[in-house]
N, C-alpha and C. Protein backbone atom coordinates (compact mmCIF):
# COMPACT_ATOMS: atom_id res chain seq x y z
N MET A 1 86.12 101.12 174.93
CA MET A 1 87.62 100.46 174.30
C MET A 1 87.92 101.84 173.69
N ASP A 2 89.39 101.76 174.34
CA ASP A 2 89.96 103.21 173.65
C ASP A 2 91.81 102.40 172.66
N ILE A 3 91.26 102.34 171.17
CA ILE A 3 91.96 101.67 170.91
C ILE A 3 92.62 103.02 169.74
N ARG A 4 94.51 102.91 170.47
CA ARG A 4 94.99 103.78 169.09
C ARG A 4 96.09 103.38 168.12
N PRO A 5 95.57 104.24 167.25
CA PRO A 5 96.99 103.44 166.39
C PRO A 5 98.48 103.59 166.83
N GLU A 6 99.41 103.26 166.35
CA GLU A 6 100.86 102.62 166.93
C GLU A 6 101.09 104.27 166.62
N PRO A 7 102.07 105.05 167.49
CA PRO A 7 102.48 106.52 166.40
C PRO A 7 103.15 106.06 165.58
N HIS A 8 103.18 107.27 164.67
CA HIS A 8 104.40 107.02 163.24
C HIS A 8 105.58 108.16 163.96
N TRP A 9 106.74 107.54 164.56
CA TRP A 9 108.30 107.58 164.83
C TRP A 9 108.68 108.20 164.29
N PHE A 10 109.27 109.66 164.09
CA PHE A 10 110.34 110.31 163.12
C PHE A 10 111.72 110.71 164.23
N LYS A 11 112.73 110.80 163.32
CA LYS A 11 114.32 111.49 164.09
C LYS A 11 114.07 112.48 163.05
N SER A 12 114.97 113.79 163.23
CA SER A 12 114.97 114.70 163.11
C SER A 12 116.51 114.91 162.07
N SER A 13 116.56 116.15 160.40
CA SER A 13 116.92 114.95 159.63
C SER A 13 118.64 115.13 160.16
N TYR A 14 118.18 116.63 161.18
CA TYR A 14 120.04 116.88 162.42
C TYR A 14 120.83 116.02 162.92
N SER A 15 119.74 114.94 163.62
CA SER A 15 120.54 113.92 164.33
C SER A 15 121.62 112.96 164.09
N GLY A 16 121.92 112.95 162.42
CA GLY A 16 122.97 112.45 161.92
C GLY A 16 122.68 110.93 162.18
N GLY A 17 123.68 109.96 161.48
CA GLY A 17 123.58 108.61 161.55
C GLY A 17 124.35 107.31 162.28
N SER A 18 124.55 107.60 163.22
CA SER A 18 125.44 107.27 163.74
C SER A 18 124.05 106.03 165.27
N GLY A 19 122.89 107.06 164.96
CA GLY A 19 121.32 106.47 166.08
C GLY A 19 122.08 106.54 167.53
N THR A 20 122.73 107.73 167.76
CA THR A 20 123.39 107.70 168.90
C THR A 20 122.33 108.65 169.30
N GLU A 21 122.28 109.28 170.70
CA GLU A 21 122.09 110.06 170.80
C GLU A 21 120.44 111.55 170.85
N CYS A 22 119.85 110.13 169.97
CA CYS A 22 118.60 110.59 168.98
C CYS A 22 117.50 110.54 170.20
N VAL A 23 116.10 111.49 169.63
CA VAL A 23 115.55 111.71 169.94
C VAL A 23 114.24 111.67 168.58
N GLU A 24 113.17 111.00 169.33
CA GLU A 24 112.24 110.43 168.56
C GLU A 24 111.08 111.56 168.60
N GLY A 25 110.29 111.29 167.63
CA GLY A 25 108.70 112.65 167.70
C GLY A 25 107.99 111.93 166.83
N ALA A 26 106.99 111.47 167.55
CA ALA A 26 105.28 111.45 166.66
C ALA A 26 104.49 112.14 167.11
N ARG A 27 103.85 112.72 165.26
CA ARG A 27 102.50 113.81 166.15
C ARG A 27 101.24 112.74 167.04
N VAL A 28 100.44 113.45 167.48
CA VAL A 28 99.40 112.94 167.75
C VAL A 28 98.48 113.77 168.11
N ASP A 29 97.04 114.00 167.96
CA ASP A 29 95.74 114.54 168.01
C ASP A 29 96.53 115.35 169.74
N GLY A 30 96.11 116.92 168.87
CA GLY A 30 96.89 117.69 170.27
C GLY A 30 97.87 118.13 170.86
N GLY A 31 99.16 117.07 170.08
CA GLY A 31 100.67 117.87 170.60
C GLY A 31 102.04 116.22 169.84
N LEU A 32 102.08 116.58 170.54
CA LEU A 32 104.29 115.24 170.01
C LEU A 32 104.31 114.58 171.05
N LEU A 33 104.83 113.39 171.20
CA LEU A 33 105.03 112.67 171.34
C LEU A 33 106.89 112.44 171.50
N LEU A 34 107.25 112.35 172.84
CA LEU A 34 108.64 112.59 172.16
C LEU A 34 109.48 111.22 173.42
N ARG A 35 110.43 110.97 172.31
CA ARG A 35 111.36 109.56 172.98
C ARG A 35 112.47 109.21 172.65
N ASP A 36 113.14 108.13 173.71
CA ASP A 36 114.92 107.95 173.36
C ASP A 36 115.26 106.78 171.81
N SER A 37 115.58 107.77 171.09
CA SER A 37 115.48 106.90 170.46
C SER A 37 116.10 104.88 169.91
N LYS A 38 117.12 105.34 171.38
CA LYS A 38 117.98 104.48 171.87
C LYS A 38 117.09 103.58 172.39
N CYS A 39 116.02 103.69 173.51
CA CYS A 39 115.24 103.14 174.18
C CYS A 39 113.07 103.48 173.81
N THR A 40 113.10 102.78 172.88
CA THR A 40 112.02 102.83 172.30
C THR A 40 110.67 102.07 173.18
N ALA A 41 111.05 101.24 174.15
CA ALA A 41 110.10 100.85 175.14
C ALA A 41 109.90 101.58 176.35
N GLY A 42 111.30 102.44 176.24
CA GLY A 42 111.22 103.59 177.44
C GLY A 42 109.66 104.21 177.34
N PRO A 43 110.36 105.31 178.50
CA PRO A 43 109.21 106.24 178.35
C PRO A 43 108.92 107.15 177.55
N VAL A 44 107.90 108.13 177.65
CA VAL A 44 107.25 108.94 176.14
C VAL A 44 106.63 109.90 177.08
N VAL A 45 107.10 111.17 176.91
CA VAL A 45 107.66 113.11 177.03
C VAL A 45 106.29 113.09 176.11
N VAL A 46 104.24 113.74 176.67
CA VAL A 46 103.64 113.94 175.94
C VAL A 46 103.86 115.90 176.05
N VAL A 47 103.54 116.40 174.79
CA VAL A 47 104.00 117.53 174.83
C VAL A 47 102.67 118.06 174.18
N ARG A 48 101.77 119.51 174.53
CA ARG A 48 100.30 119.98 174.33
C ARG A 48 101.52 120.73 172.60
N ALA A 49 100.26 120.55 172.23
CA ALA A 49 101.28 121.18 170.85
C ALA A 49 101.36 122.86 171.37
N LEU A 50 100.34 123.76 171.99
CA LEU A 50 100.58 124.81 172.21
C LEU A 50 101.74 125.46 172.86
N ALA A 51 102.64 124.19 173.83
CA ALA A 51 103.77 124.62 174.64
C ALA A 51 104.15 124.64 173.97
N TRP A 52 104.41 123.18 172.45
CA TRP A 52 105.27 122.70 171.97
C TRP A 52 106.05 124.25 171.01
N ARG A 53 104.51 124.59 170.07
CA ARG A 53 105.34 125.86 169.42
C ARG A 53 105.39 127.58 170.37
N ALA A 54 105.50 126.79 171.71
CA ALA A 54 105.99 128.39 172.40
C ALA A 54 107.72 127.62 173.01
N PHE A 55 107.67 126.77 172.80
CA PHE A 55 109.42 125.94 172.44
C PHE A 55 110.34 126.36 171.71
N ILE A 56 109.30 126.19 170.48
CA ILE A 56 110.14 126.54 168.93
C ILE A 56 110.13 127.75 169.34
N ARG A 57 109.47 128.44 169.53
CA ARG A 57 109.60 130.28 169.15
C ARG A 57 110.78 130.55 170.10
N ALA A 58 110.79 130.16 170.86
CA ALA A 58 111.93 130.61 172.43
C ALA A 58 112.91 129.89 171.28
N LEU A 59 113.11 129.26 170.54
CA LEU A 59 114.35 128.74 170.68
C LEU A 59 115.63 130.06 169.46
């Protein structure tokens, strides 16, 4: 049986306080989870750590 703890979701300090148009992230083994903060039960994007680092370097 594979039981994983609930991820600890966080928002960027740049997201502002309005609560709209925010992306939440959660660190997991090997990468990052991303979701829309307005639809927390919606789909989650899984990004591997290597791909995330490449994305950040390209910014």
